[in-house]
Amino acid sequence: MKRTALIGMMLTLALALAASTAFAGPWGGRFYGMGPMVQNLTPEQSSELLKLQQAHQEKVFPIQQQLFTKKMELRTLMFSQNPDQAKVASLQKEVFELIDQIQQESSNLRMQMLNVIAPQAKK
């Protein structure tokens, strides 16, 4: 009986470990969101990609700061005694507009990076 229970527990543990690696995400959960994992780039391509990423961060950082501020304002307003419905709607609209700006900048970055990595593909 004890042996059967021990084997059952070991199988359950093995299944749980296997499932956790399956749900870890791309590349085993590492490097998610860190940009393209492209090998065999020339030094010029690598430096150009780095410049593009740094320029993107400089553009997006102020928008992210505004987004954080607006989210905090919205959270404070939502937890107040009598939140003003019009003000809540206005802040939500501003938050979504800032998110859209960040997503647009990210899309622009991806397109610029693809032009550096594979310029012949756009022909």
PDB file of N, CA and C in Angstrom:
ATOM      1  N   MET A   1       0.826  -1.196   0.000  1.00  0.00           N
ATOM      2  CA  MET A   1       0.000   0.000   0.000  1.00  0.00           C
ATOM      3  C   MET A   1       0.865   1.253   0.000  1.00  0.00           C
ATOM      4  N   LYS A   2       1.871   1.256   0.894  1.00  0.00           N
ATOM      5  CA  LYS A   2       2.753   2.419   0.953  1.00  0.00           C
ATOM      6  C   LYS A   2       3.520   2.577  -0.360  1.00  0.00           C
ATOM      7  N   ARG A   3       3.915   1.442  -0.915  1.00  0.00           N
ATOM      8  CA  ARG A   3       4.674   1.491  -2.162  1.00  0.00           C
ATOM      9  C   ARG A   3       3.818   2.063  -3.295  1.00  0.00           C
ATOM     10  N   THR A   4       2.568   1.690  -3.380  1.00  0.00           N
ATOM     11  CA  THR A   4       1.661   2.199  -4.405  1.00  0.00           C
ATOM     12  C   THR A   4       1.441   3.695  -4.230  1.00  0.00           C
ATOM     13  N   ALA A   5       1.268   4.129  -2.991  1.00  0.00           N
ATOM     14  CA  ALA A   5       1.083   5.553  -2.721  1.00  0.00           C
ATOM     15  C   ALA A   5       2.332   6.337  -3.092  1.00  0.00           C
ATOM     16  N   LEU A   6       3.500   5.786  -2.781  1.00  0.00           N
ATOM     17  CA  LEU A   6       4.765   6.456  -3.100  1.00  0.00           C
ATOM     18  C   LEU A   6       4.935   6.577  -4.614  1.00  0.00           C
ATOM     19  N   ILE A   7       4.635   5.519  -5.346  1.00  0.00           N
ATOM     20  CA  ILE A   7       4.743   5.557  -6.810  1.00  0.00           C
ATOM     21  C   ILE A   7       3.755   6.557  -7.379  1.00  0.00           C
ATOM     22  N   GLY A   8       2.540   6.581  -6.852  1.00  0.00           N
ATOM     23  CA  GLY A   8       1.537   7.544  -7.307  1.00  0.00           C
ATOM     24  C   GLY A   8       1.978   8.980  -7.062  1.00  0.00           C
ATOM     25  N   MET A   9       2.556   9.248  -5.907  1.00  0.00           N
ATOM     26  CA  MET A   9       3.035  10.599  -5.594  1.00  0.00           C
ATOM     27  C   MET A   9       4.187  10.988  -6.503  1.00  0.00           C
ATOM     28  N   MET A  10       5.074  10.050  -6.798  1.00  0.00           N
ATOM     29  CA  MET A  10       6.205  10.345  -7.670  1.00  0.00           C
ATOM     30  C   MET A  10       5.737  10.630  -9.093  1.00  0.00           C
ATOM     31  N   LEU A  11       4.758   9.876  -9.574  1.00  0.00           N
ATOM     32  CA  LEU A  11       4.216  10.117 -10.910  1.00  0.00           C
ATOM     33  C   LEU A  11       3.513  11.470 -10.975  1.00  0.00           C
ATOM     34  N   THR A  12       2.783  11.814  -9.919  1.00  0.00           N
ATOM     35  CA  THR A  12       2.110  13.110  -9.872  1.00  0.00           C
ATOM     36  C   THR A  12       3.134  14.244  -9.887  1.00  0.00           C
ATOM     37  N   LEU A  13       4.208  14.104  -9.127  1.00  0.00           N
ATOM     38  CA  LEU A  13       5.264  15.117  -9.101  1.00  0.00           C
ATOM     39  C   LEU A  13       5.922  15.257 -10.474  1.00  0.00           C
ATOM     40  N   ALA A  14       6.202  14.123 -11.122  1.00  0.00           N
ATOM     41  CA  ALA A  14       6.815  14.166 -12.451  1.00  0.00           C
ATOM     42  C   ALA A  14       5.892  14.843 -13.461  1.00  0.00           C
ATOM     43  N   LEU A  15       4.603  14.552 -13.380  1.00  0.00           N
ATOM     44  CA  LEU A  15       3.638  15.180 -14.275  1.00  0.00           C
ATOM     45  C   LEU A  15       3.547  16.681 -14.031  1.00  0.00           C
ATOM     46  N   ALA A  16       3.573  17.082 -12.765  1.00  0.00           N
ATOM     47  CA  ALA A  16       3.515  18.509 -12.436  1.00  0.00           C
ATOM     48  C   ALA A  16       4.747  19.241 -12.954  1.00  0.00           C
ATOM     49  N   LEU A  17       5.909  18.626 -12.820  1.00  0.00           N
ATOM     50  CA  LEU A  17       7.128  19.261 -13.332  1.00  0.00           C
ATOM     51  C   LEU A  17       7.103  19.365 -14.853  1.00  0.00           C
ATOM     52  N   ALA A  18       6.625  18.331 -15.516  1.00  0.00           N
ATOM     53  CA  ALA A  18       6.545  18.375 -16.975  1.00  0.00           C
ATOM     54  C   ALA A  18       5.554  19.441 -17.430  1.00  0.00           C
ATOM     55  N   ALA A  19       4.433  19.562 -16.736  1.00  0.00           N
ATOM     56  CA  ALA A  19       3.434  20.563 -17.101  1.00  0.00           C
ATOM     57  C   ALA A  19       3.949  21.974 -16.872  1.00  0.00           C
ATOM     58  N   SER A  20       4.725  22.178 -15.820  1.00  0.00           N
ATOM     59  CA  SER A  20       5.229  23.526 -15.543  1.00  0.00           C
ATOM     60  C   SER A  20       6.195  23.989 -16.617  1.00  0.00           C
ATOM     61  N   THR A  21       6.967  23.087 -17.191  1.00  0.00           N
ATOM     62  CA  THR A  21       7.865  23.496 -18.277  1.00  0.00           C
ATOM     63  C   THR A  21       7.083  23.770 -19.549  1.00  0.00           C
ATOM     64  N   ALA A  22       5.974  23.079 -19.747  1.00  0.00           N
ATOM     65  CA  ALA A  22       5.165  23.313 -20.940  1.00  0.00           C
ATOM     66  C   ALA A  22       4.514  24.686 -20.910  1.00  0.00           C
ATOM     67  N   PHE A  23       4.169  25.175 -19.731  1.00  0.00           N
ATOM     68  CA  PHE A  23       3.512  26.473 -19.597  1.00  0.00           C
ATOM     69  C   PHE A  23       4.497  27.611 -19.335  1.00  0.00           C
ATOM     70  N   ALA A  24       5.776  27.350 -19.407  1.00  0.00           N
ATOM     71  CA  ALA A  24       6.777  28.367 -19.093  1.00  0.00           C
ATOM     72  C   ALA A  24       6.874  29.428 -20.179  1.00  0.00           C
ATOM     73  N   GLY A  25       6.414  29.167 -21.378  1.00  0.00           N
ATOM     74  CA  GLY A  25       6.469  30.145 -22.443  1.00  0.00           C
ATOM     75  C   GLY A  25       7.575  29.846 -23.418  1.00  0.00           C
ATOM     76  N   PRO A  26       7.768  30.769 -24.355  1.00  0.00           N
ATOM     77  CA  PRO A  26       8.782  30.536 -25.376  1.00  0.00           C
ATOM     78  C   PRO A  26      10.179  30.475 -24.765  1.00  0.00           C
ATOM     79  N   TRP A  27      11.000  29.664 -25.344  1.00  0.00           N
ATOM     80  CA  TRP A  27      12.383  29.477 -24.910  1.00  0.00           C
ATOM     81  C   TRP A  27      12.456  29.039 -23.455  1.00  0.00           C
ATOM     82  N   GLY A  28      11.499  28.261 -23.003  1.00  0.00           N
ATOM     83  CA  GLY A  28      11.533  27.779 -21.637  1.00  0.00           C
ATOM     84  C   GLY A  28      11.265  28.873 -20.626  1.00  0.00           C
ATOM     85  N   GLY A  29      10.620  29.961 -21.051  1.00  0.00           N
ATOM     86  CA  GLY A  29      10.294  31.051 -20.139  1.00  0.00           C
ATOM     87  C   GLY A  29      11.377  32.107 -20.038  1.00  0.00           C
ATOM     88  N   ARG A  30      12.485  31.908 -20.729  1.00  0.00           N
ATOM     89  CA  ARG A  30      13.571  32.879 -20.667  1.00  0.00           C
ATOM     90  C   ARG A  30      13.528  33.798 -21.876  1.00  0.00           C
ATOM     91  N   PHE A  31      14.023  34.973 -21.712  1.00  0.00           N
ATOM     92  CA  PHE A  31      14.203  35.937 -22.794  1.00  0.00           C
ATOM     93  C   PHE A  31      12.900  36.387 -23.423  1.00  0.00           C
ATOM     94  N   TYR A  32      11.786  36.184 -22.763  1.00  0.00           N
ATOM     95  CA  TYR A  32      10.518  36.599 -23.355  1.00  0.00           C
ATOM     96  C   TYR A  32      10.457  38.121 -23.399  1.00  0.00           C
ATOM     97  N   GLY A  33      10.210  38.679 -24.555  1.00  0.00           N
ATOM     98  CA  GLY A  33      10.101  40.121 -24.694  1.00  0.00           C
ATOM     99  C   GLY A  33      11.432  40.840 -24.820  1.00  0.00           C
ATOM    100  N   MET A  34      12.509  40.117 -24.982  1.00  0.00           N
ATOM    101  CA  MET A  34      13.816  40.742 -25.053  1.00  0.00           C
ATOM    102  C   MET A  34      14.242  41.020 -26.488  1.00  0.00           C
ATOM    103  N   GLY A  35      13.337  40.893 -27.425  1.00  0.00           N
ATOM    104  CA  GLY A  35      13.680  41.169 -28.810  1.00  0.00           C
ATOM    105  C   GLY A  35      13.952  39.884 -29.563  1.00  0.00           C
ATOM    106  N   PRO A  36      14.271  40.024 -30.827  1.00  0.00           N
ATOM    107  CA  PRO A  36      14.448  38.831 -31.642  1.00  0.00           C
ATOM    108  C   PRO A  36      15.709  38.071 -31.254  1.00  0.00           C
ATOM    109  N   MET A  37      15.592  36.787 -31.249  1.00  0.00           N
ATOM    110  CA  MET A  37      16.743  35.940 -30.958  1.00  0.00           C
ATOM    111  C   MET A  37      17.331  35.508 -32.298  1.00  0.00           C
ATOM    112  N   VAL A  38      18.021  36.432 -32.947  1.00  0.00           N
ATOM    113  CA  VAL A  38      18.546  36.197 -34.284  1.00  0.00           C
ATOM    114  C   VAL A  38      20.035  35.929 -34.184  1.00  0.00           C
ATOM    115  N   GLN A  39      20.451  34.882 -34.848  1.00  0.00           N
ATOM    116  CA  GLN A  39      21.866  34.551 -34.873  1.00  0.00           C
ATOM    117  C   GLN A  39      22.424  34.909 -36.238  1.00  0.00           C
ATOM    118  N   ASN A  40      23.729  34.883 -36.337  1.00  0.00           N
ATOM    119  CA  ASN A  40      24.429  35.131 -37.595  1.00  0.00           C
ATOM    120  C   ASN A  40      24.214  36.539 -38.124  1.00  0.00           C
ATOM    121  N   LEU A  41      24.159  37.514 -37.243  1.00  0.00           N
ATOM    122  CA  LEU A  41      24.076  38.905 -37.677  1.00  0.00           C
ATOM    123  C   LEU A  41      25.477  39.444 -37.872  1.00  0.00           C
ATOM    124  N   THR A  42      25.599  40.363 -38.798  1.00  0.00           N
ATOM    125  CA  THR A  42      26.881  41.035 -38.953  1.00  0.00           C
ATOM    126  C   THR A  42      27.039  42.020 -37.804  1.00  0.00           C
ATOM    127  N   PRO A  43      28.247  42.452 -37.518  1.00  0.00           N
ATOM    128  CA  PRO A  43      28.437  43.451 -36.456  1.00  0.00           C
ATOM    129  C   PRO A  43      27.664  44.746 -36.738  1.00  0.00           C
ATOM    130  N   GLU A  44      27.561  45.108 -38.026  1.00  0.00           N
ATOM    131  CA  GLU A  44      26.820  46.310 -38.393  1.00  0.00           C
ATOM    132  C   GLU A  44      25.335  46.150 -38.077  1.00  0.00           C
ATOM    133  N   GLN A  45      24.792  44.971 -38.388  1.00  0.00           N
ATOM    134  CA  GLN A  45      23.384  44.718 -38.092  1.00  0.00           C
ATOM    135  C   GLN A  45      23.130  44.732 -36.585  1.00  0.00           C
ATOM    136  N   SER A  46      24.031  44.123 -35.837  1.00  0.00           N
ATOM    137  CA  SER A  46      23.872  44.101 -34.374  1.00  0.00           C
ATOM    138  C   SER A  46      23.894  45.502 -33.797  1.00  0.00           C
ATOM    139  N   SER A  47      24.833  46.321 -34.250  1.00  0.00           N
ATOM    140  CA  SER A  47      24.901  47.683 -33.713  1.00  0.00           C
ATOM    141  C   SER A  47      23.690  48.504 -34.137  1.00  0.00           C
ATOM    142  N   GLU A  48      23.199  48.283 -35.358  1.00  0.00           N
ATOM    143  CA  GLU A  48      22.013  49.003 -35.826  1.00  0.00           C
ATOM    144  C   GLU A  48      20.779  48.603 -35.015  1.00  0.00           C
ATOM    145  N   LEU A  49      20.646  47.313 -34.726  1.00  0.00           N
ATOM    146  CA  LEU A  49      19.523  46.855 -33.899  1.00  0.00           C
ATOM    147  C   LEU A  49      19.590  47.455 -32.499  1.00  0.00           C
ATOM    148  N   LEU A  50      20.780  47.512 -31.950  1.00  0.00           N
ATOM    149  CA  LEU A  50      20.943  48.100 -30.620  1.00  0.00           C
ATOM    150  C   LEU A  50      20.564  49.580 -30.628  1.00  0.00           C
ATOM    151  N   LYS A  51      20.976  50.301 -31.675  1.00  0.00           N
ATOM    152  CA  LYS A  51      20.609  51.714 -31.793  1.00  0.00           C
ATOM    153  C   LYS A  51      19.092  51.884 -31.907  1.00  0.00           C
ATOM    154  N   LEU A  52      18.467  51.028 -32.695  1.00  0.00           N
ATOM    155  CA  LEU A  52      17.009  51.099 -32.847  1.00  0.00           C
ATOM    156  C   LEU A  52      16.303  50.833 -31.514  1.00  0.00           C
ATOM    157  N   GLN A  53      16.772  49.839 -30.774  1.00  0.00           N
ATOM    158  CA  GLN A  53      16.155  49.517 -29.487  1.00  0.00           C
ATOM    159  C   GLN A  53      16.333  50.656 -28.488  1.00  0.00           C
ATOM    160  N   GLN A  54      17.518  51.252 -28.479  1.00  0.00           N
ATOM    161  CA  GLN A  54      17.761  52.365 -27.553  1.00  0.00           C
ATOM    162  C   GLN A  54      16.903  53.571 -27.916  1.00  0.00           C
ATOM    163  N   ALA A  55      16.775  53.864 -29.199  1.00  0.00           N
ATOM    164  CA  ALA A  55      15.926  54.981 -29.631  1.00  0.00           C
ATOM    165  C   ALA A  55      14.468  54.706 -29.268  1.00  0.00           C
ATOM    166  N   HIS A  56      14.051  53.463 -29.420  1.00  0.00           N
ATOM    167  CA  HIS A  56      12.682  53.080 -29.062  1.00  0.00           C
ATOM    168  C   HIS A  56      12.451  53.279 -27.564  1.00  0.00           C
ATOM    169  N   GLN A  57      13.395  52.865 -26.757  1.00  0.00           N
ATOM    170  CA  GLN A  57      13.256  53.032 -25.304  1.00  0.00           C
ATOM    171  C   GLN A  57      13.166  54.506 -24.921  1.00  0.00           C
ATOM    172  N   GLU A  58      13.939  55.330 -25.597  1.00  0.00           N
ATOM    173  CA  GLU A  58      13.888  56.764 -25.308  1.00  0.00           C
ATOM    174  C   GLU A  58      12.541  57.367 -25.697  1.00  0.00           C
ATOM    175  N   LYS A  59      11.932  56.865 -26.766  1.00  0.00           N
ATOM    176  CA  LYS A  59      10.607  57.352 -27.181  1.00  0.00           C
ATOM    177  C   LYS A  59       9.511  56.864 -26.239  1.00  0.00           C
ATOM    178  N   VAL A  60       9.614  55.602 -25.843  1.00  0.00           N
ATOM    179  CA  VAL A  60       8.534  54.958 -25.109  1.00  0.00           C
ATOM    180  C   VAL A  60       8.564  55.263 -23.610  1.00  0.00           C
ATOM    181  N   PHE A  61       9.725  55.523 -23.060  1.00  0.00           N
ATOM    182  CA  PHE A  61       9.823  55.726 -21.610  1.00  0.00           C
ATOM    183  C   PHE A  61       8.922  56.859 -21.107  1.00  0.00           C
ATOM    184  N   PRO A  62       8.903  58.033 -21.736  1.00  0.00           N
ATOM    185  CA  PRO A  62       7.994  59.077 -21.248  1.00  0.00           C
ATOM    186  C   PRO A  62       6.518  58.672 -21.350  1.00  0.00           C
ATOM    187  N   ILE A  63       6.178  57.929 -22.388  1.00  0.00           N
ATOM    188  CA  ILE A  63       4.791  57.470 -22.532  1.00  0.00           C
ATOM    189  C   ILE A  63       4.459  56.488 -21.420  1.00  0.00           C
ATOM    190  N   GLN A  64       5.413  55.619 -21.087  1.00  0.00           N
ATOM    191  CA  GLN A  64       5.189  54.671 -20.001  1.00  0.00           C
ATOM    192  C   GLN A  64       5.017  55.403 -18.667  1.00  0.00           C
ATOM    193  N   GLN A  65       5.768  56.468 -18.470  1.00  0.00           N
ATOM    194  CA  GLN A  65       5.626  57.259 -17.241  1.00  0.00           C
ATOM    195  C   GLN A  65       4.237  57.893 -17.177  1.00  0.00           C
ATOM    196  N   GLN A  66       3.779  58.445 -18.294  1.00  0.00           N
ATOM    197  CA  GLN A  66       2.434  59.021 -18.341  1.00  0.00           C
ATOM    198  C   GLN A  66       1.374  57.950 -18.079  1.00  0.00           C
ATOM    199  N   LEU A  67       1.581  56.778 -18.667  1.00  0.00           N
ATOM    200  CA  LEU A  67       0.642  55.676 -18.478  1.00  0.00           C
ATOM    201  C   LEU A  67       0.566  55.276 -17.006  1.00  0.00           C
ATOM    202  N   PHE A  68       1.707  55.177 -16.355  1.00  0.00           N
ATOM    203  CA  PHE A  68       1.733  54.831 -14.935  1.00  0.00           C
ATOM    204  C   PHE A  68       0.985  55.874 -14.117  1.00  0.00           C
ATOM    205  N   THR A  69       1.222  57.153 -14.415  1.00  0.00           N
ATOM    206  CA  THR A  69       0.555  58.233 -13.686  1.00  0.00           C
ATOM    207  C   THR A  69      -0.959  58.171 -13.882  1.00  0.00           C
ATOM    208  N   LYS A  70      -1.380  57.986 -15.121  1.00  0.00           N
ATOM    209  CA  LYS A  70      -2.817  57.922 -15.407  1.00  0.00           C
ATOM    210  C   LYS A  70      -3.462  56.712 -14.738  1.00  0.00           C
ATOM    211  N   LYS A  71      -2.770  55.583 -14.730  1.00  0.00           N
ATOM    212  CA  LYS A  71      -3.317  54.398 -14.073  1.00  0.00           C
ATOM    213  C   LYS A  71      -3.454  54.622 -12.565  1.00  0.00           C
ATOM    214  N   MET A  72      -2.482  55.304 -11.976  1.00  0.00           N
ATOM    215  CA  MET A  72      -2.571  55.597 -10.542  1.00  0.00           C
ATOM    216  C   MET A  72      -3.727  56.564 -10.253  1.00  0.00           C
ATOM    217  N   GLU A  73      -3.900  57.559 -11.119  1.00  0.00           N
ATOM    218  CA  GLU A  73      -5.032  58.477 -10.961  1.00  0.00           C
ATOM    219  C   GLU A  73      -6.352  57.724 -11.060  1.00  0.00           C
ATOM    220  N   LEU A  74      -6.436  56.828 -12.042  1.00  0.00           N
ATOM    221  CA  LEU A  74      -7.655  56.053 -12.233  1.00  0.00           C
ATOM    222  C   LEU A  74      -7.920  55.147 -11.029  1.00  0.00           C
ATOM    223  N   ARG A  75      -6.880  54.498 -10.540  1.00  0.00           N
ATOM    224  CA  ARG A  75      -7.034  53.625  -9.382  1.00  0.00           C
ATOM    225  C   ARG A  75      -7.489  54.413  -8.156  1.00  0.00           C
ATOM    226  N   THR A  76      -6.884  55.578  -7.945  1.00  0.00           N
ATOM    227  CA  THR A  76      -7.271  56.423  -6.809  1.00  0.00           C
ATOM    228  C   THR A  76      -8.724  56.860  -6.936  1.00  0.00           C
ATOM    229  N   LEU A  77      -9.102  57.262  -8.131  1.00  0.00           N
ATOM    230  CA  LEU A  77     -10.475  57.699  -8.357  1.00  0.00           C
ATOM    231  C   LEU A  77     -11.467  56.547  -8.156  1.00  0.00           C
ATOM    232  N   MET A  78     -11.114  55.370  -8.639  1.00  0.00           N
ATOM    233  CA  MET A  78     -12.019  54.221  -8.516  1.00  0.00           C
ATOM    234  C   MET A  78     -12.237  53.811  -7.059  1.00  0.00           C
ATOM    235  N   PHE A  79     -11.243  54.017  -6.218  1.00  0.00           N
ATOM    236  CA  PHE A  79     -11.367  53.631  -4.814  1.00  0.00           C
ATOM    237  C   PHE A  79     -11.862  54.764  -3.930  1.00  0.00           C
ATOM    238  N   SER A  80     -12.213  55.897  -4.524  1.00  0.00           N
ATOM    239  CA  SER A  80     -12.770  56.994  -3.727  1.00  0.00           C
ATOM    240  C   SER A  80     -14.223  56.683  -3.366  1.00  0.00           C
ATOM    241  N   GLN A  81     -14.778  57.449  -2.450  1.00  0.00           N
ATOM    242  CA  GLN A  81     -16.141  57.206  -1.971  1.00  0.00           C
ATOM    243  C   GLN A  81     -17.163  57.273  -3.101  1.00  0.00           C
ATOM    244  N   ASN A  82     -17.175  58.362  -3.831  1.00  0.00           N
ATOM    245  CA  ASN A  82     -18.136  58.549  -4.924  1.00  0.00           C
ATOM    246  C   ASN A  82     -17.381  58.906  -6.204  1.00  0.00           C
ATOM    247  N   PRO A  83     -16.913  57.903  -6.944  1.00  0.00           N
ATOM    248  CA  PRO A  83     -16.149  58.215  -8.155  1.00  0.00           C
ATOM    249  C   PRO A  83     -17.034  58.872  -9.212  1.00  0.00           C
ATOM    250  N   ASP A  84     -16.477  59.898  -9.828  1.00  0.00           N
ATOM    251  CA  ASP A  84     -17.163  60.607 -10.909  1.00  0.00           C
ATOM    252  C   ASP A  84     -17.075  59.750 -12.172  1.00  0.00           C
ATOM    253  N   GLN A  85     -18.237  59.310 -12.661  1.00  0.00           N
ATOM    254  CA  GLN A  85     -18.289  58.403 -13.797  1.00  0.00           C
ATOM    255  C   GLN A  85     -17.664  59.017 -15.053  1.00  0.00           C
ATOM    256  N   ALA A  86     -17.883  60.292 -15.272  1.00  0.00           N
ATOM    257  CA  ALA A  86     -17.326  60.959 -16.451  1.00  0.00           C
ATOM    258  C   ALA A  86     -15.808  61.038 -16.358  1.00  0.00           C
ATOM    259  N   LYS A  87     -15.304  61.317 -15.172  1.00  0.00           N
ATOM    260  CA  LYS A  87     -13.856  61.391 -14.970  1.00  0.00           C
ATOM    261  C   LYS A  87     -13.219  60.016 -15.147  1.00  0.00           C
ATOM    262  N   VAL A  88     -13.887  58.974 -14.649  1.00  0.00           N
ATOM    263  CA  VAL A  88     -13.388  57.611 -14.821  1.00  0.00           C
ATOM    264  C   VAL A  88     -13.314  57.266 -16.308  1.00  0.00           C
ATOM    265  N   ALA A  89     -14.364  57.562 -17.038  1.00  0.00           N
ATOM    266  CA  ALA A  89     -14.385  57.273 -18.472  1.00  0.00           C
ATOM    267  C   ALA A  89     -13.292  58.043 -19.205  1.00  0.00           C
ATOM    268  N   SER A  90     -13.083  59.284 -18.810  1.00  0.00           N
ATOM    269  CA  SER A  90     -12.049  60.113 -19.431  1.00  0.00           C
ATOM    270  C   SER A  90     -10.654  59.536 -19.170  1.00  0.00           C
ATOM    271  N   LEU A  91     -10.404  59.144 -17.926  1.00  0.00           N
ATOM    272  CA  LEU A  91      -9.097  58.569 -17.594  1.00  0.00           C
ATOM    273  C   LEU A  91      -8.885  57.231 -18.303  1.00  0.00           C
ATOM    274  N   GLN A  92      -9.930  56.424 -18.396  1.00  0.00           N
ATOM    275  CA  GLN A  92      -9.804  55.159 -19.108  1.00  0.00           C
ATOM    276  C   GLN A  92      -9.460  55.390 -20.575  1.00  0.00           C
ATOM    277  N   LYS A  93     -10.086  56.381 -21.167  1.00  0.00           N
ATOM    278  CA  LYS A  93      -9.786  56.698 -22.565  1.00  0.00           C
ATOM    279  C   LYS A  93      -8.336  57.136 -22.714  1.00  0.00           C
ATOM    280  N   GLU A  94      -7.839  57.953 -21.793  1.00  0.00           N
ATOM    281  CA  GLU A  94      -6.447  58.394 -21.847  1.00  0.00           C
ATOM    282  C   GLU A  94      -5.488  57.224 -21.685  1.00  0.00           C
ATOM    283  N   VAL A  95      -5.817  56.297 -20.786  1.00  0.00           N
ATOM    284  CA  VAL A  95      -4.969  55.120 -20.577  1.00  0.00           C
ATOM    285  C   VAL A  95      -4.901  54.295 -21.863  1.00  0.00           C
ATOM    286  N   PHE A  96      -6.050  54.054 -22.483  1.00  0.00           N
ATOM    287  CA  PHE A  96      -6.064  53.263 -23.713  1.00  0.00           C
ATOM    288  C   PHE A  96      -5.316  53.970 -24.849  1.00  0.00           C
ATOM    289  N   GLU A  97      -5.399  55.288 -24.909  1.00  0.00           N
ATOM    290  CA  GLU A  97      -4.670  56.021 -25.941  1.00  0.00           C
ATOM    291  C   GLU A  97      -3.156  55.892 -25.734  1.00  0.00           C
ATOM    292  N   LEU A  98      -2.714  55.943 -24.480  1.00  0.00           N
ATOM    293  CA  LEU A  98      -1.289  55.779 -24.199  1.00  0.00           C
ATOM    294  C   LEU A  98      -0.821  54.370 -24.536  1.00  0.00           C
ATOM    295  N   ILE A  99      -1.640  53.380 -24.222  1.00  0.00           N
ATOM    296  CA  ILE A  99      -1.300  51.994 -24.580  1.00  0.00           C
ATOM    297  C   ILE A  99      -1.201  51.862 -26.094  1.00  0.00           C
ATOM    298  N   ASP A 100      -2.126  52.475 -26.805  1.00  0.00           N
ATOM    299  CA  ASP A 100      -2.086  52.434 -28.274  1.00  0.00           C
ATOM    300  C   ASP A 100      -0.807  53.075 -28.815  1.00  0.00           C
ATOM    301  N   GLN A 101      -0.385  54.183 -28.205  1.00  0.00           N
ATOM    302  CA  GLN A 101       0.853  54.835 -28.640  1.00  0.00           C
ATOM    303  C   GLN A 101       2.048  53.906 -28.456  1.00  0.00           C
ATOM    304  N   ILE A 102       2.106  53.239 -27.309  1.00  0.00           N
ATOM    305  CA  ILE A 102       3.218  52.322 -27.043  1.00  0.00           C
ATOM    306  C   ILE A 102       3.196  51.168 -28.038  1.00  0.00           C
ATOM    307  N   GLN A 103       2.025  50.626 -28.305  1.00  0.00           N
ATOM    308  CA  GLN A 103       1.932  49.527 -29.261  1.00  0.00           C
ATOM    309  C   GLN A 103       2.309  49.967 -30.668  1.00  0.00           C
ATOM    310  N   GLN A 104       1.945  51.181 -31.039  1.00  0.00           N
ATOM    311  CA  GLN A 104       2.315  51.691 -32.361  1.00  0.00           C
ATOM    312  C   GLN A 104       3.830  51.846 -32.470  1.00  0.00           C
ATOM    313  N   GLU A 105       4.444  52.384 -31.429  1.00  0.00           N
ATOM    314  CA  GLU A 105       5.903  52.520 -31.434  1.00  0.00           C
ATOM    315  C   GLU A 105       6.582  51.151 -31.491  1.00  0.00           C
ATOM    316  N   SER A 106       6.012  50.171 -30.794  1.00  0.00           N
ATOM    317  CA  SER A 106       6.582  48.824 -30.820  1.00  0.00           C
ATOM    318  C   SER A 106       6.455  48.208 -32.208  1.00  0.00           C
ATOM    319  N   SER A 107       5.340  48.420 -32.862  1.00  0.00           N
ATOM    320  CA  SER A 107       5.171  47.923 -34.229  1.00  0.00           C
ATOM    321  C   SER A 107       6.162  48.585 -35.176  1.00  0.00           C
ATOM    322  N   ASN A 108       6.362  49.886 -35.015  1.00  0.00           N
ATOM    323  CA  ASN A 108       7.340  50.597 -35.840  1.00  0.00           C
ATOM    324  C   ASN A 108       8.740  50.032 -35.620  1.00  0.00           C
ATOM    325  N   LEU A 109       9.068  49.746 -34.358  1.00  0.00           N
ATOM    326  CA  LEU A 109      10.380  49.171 -34.057  1.00  0.00           C
ATOM    327  C   LEU A 109      10.540  47.819 -34.739  1.00  0.00           C
ATOM    328  N   ARG A 110       9.536  46.971 -34.658  1.00  0.00           N
ATOM    329  CA  ARG A 110       9.622  45.654 -35.289  1.00  0.00           C
ATOM    330  C   ARG A 110       9.865  45.775 -36.792  1.00  0.00           C
ATOM    331  N   MET A 111       9.151  46.687 -37.427  1.00  0.00           N
ATOM    332  CA  MET A 111       9.323  46.857 -38.867  1.00  0.00           C
ATOM    333  C   MET A 111      10.729  47.365 -39.199  1.00  0.00           C
ATOM    334  N   GLN A 112      11.228  48.300 -38.406  1.00  0.00           N
ATOM    335  CA  GLN A 112      12.582  48.808 -38.633  1.00  0.00           C
ATOM    336  C   GLN A 112      13.619  47.704 -38.424  1.00  0.00           C
ATOM    337  N   MET A 113      13.389  46.879 -37.404  1.00  0.00           N
ATOM    338  CA  MET A 113      14.333  45.790 -37.141  1.00  0.00           C
ATOM    339  C   MET A 113      14.307  44.758 -38.267  1.00  0.00           C
ATOM    340  N   LEU A 114      13.127  44.471 -38.775  1.00  0.00           N
ATOM    341  CA  LEU A 114      13.040  43.528 -39.893  1.00  0.00           C
ATOM    342  C   LEU A 114      13.753  44.071 -41.130  1.00  0.00           C
ATOM    343  N   ASN A 115      13.677  45.378 -41.335  1.00  0.00           N
ATOM    344  CA  ASN A 115      14.386  45.974 -42.470  1.00  0.00           C
ATOM    345  C   ASN A 115      15.889  45.850 -42.315  1.00  0.00           C
ATOM    346  N   VAL A 116      16.381  45.852 -41.090  1.00  0.00           N
ATOM    347  CA  VAL A 116      17.819  45.696 -40.855  1.00  0.00           C
ATOM    348  C   VAL A 116      18.218  44.230 -41.015  1.00  0.00           C
ATOM    349  N   ILE A 117      17.403  43.340 -40.467  1.00  0.00           N
ATOM    350  CA  ILE A 117      17.754  41.919 -40.468  1.00  0.00           C
ATOM    351  C   ILE A 117      17.629  41.309 -41.854  1.00  0.00           C
ATOM    352  N   ALA A 118      16.539  41.622 -42.542  1.00  0.00           N
ATOM    353  CA  ALA A 118      16.296  40.987 -43.848  1.00  0.00           C
ATOM    354  C   ALA A 118      15.831  42.034 -44.857  1.00  0.00           C
ATOM    355  N   PRO A 119      16.718  42.910 -45.289  1.00  0.00           N
ATOM    356  CA  PRO A 119      16.305  43.940 -46.243  1.00  0.00           C
ATOM    357  C   PRO A 119      15.849  43.371 -47.581  1.00  0.00           C
ATOM    358  N   GLN A 120      16.385  42.229 -47.980  1.00  0.00           N
ATOM    359  CA  GLN A 120      15.990  41.642 -49.261  1.00  0.00           C
ATOM    360  C   GLN A 120      14.591  41.080 -49.221  1.00  0.00           C
ATOM    361  N   ALA A 121      14.027  40.830 -48.044  1.00  0.00           N
ATOM    362  CA  ALA A 121      12.693  40.238 -47.939  1.00  0.00           C
ATOM    363  C   ALA A 121      11.596  41.223 -48.319  1.00  0.00           C
ATOM    364  N   LYS A 122      11.876  42.515 -48.246  1.00  0.00           N
ATOM    365  CA  LYS A 122      10.839  43.502 -48.574  1.00  0.00           C
ATOM    366  C   LYS A 122      10.728  43.778 -50.067  1.00  0.00           C
ATOM    367  N   LYS A 123      11.582  43.183 -50.864  1.00  0.00           N
ATOM    368  CA  LYS A 123      11.534  43.398 -52.313  1.00  0.00           C
ATOM    369  C   LYS A 123      10.429  42.599 -52.947  1.00  0.00           C
TER     370      LYS A 123
END
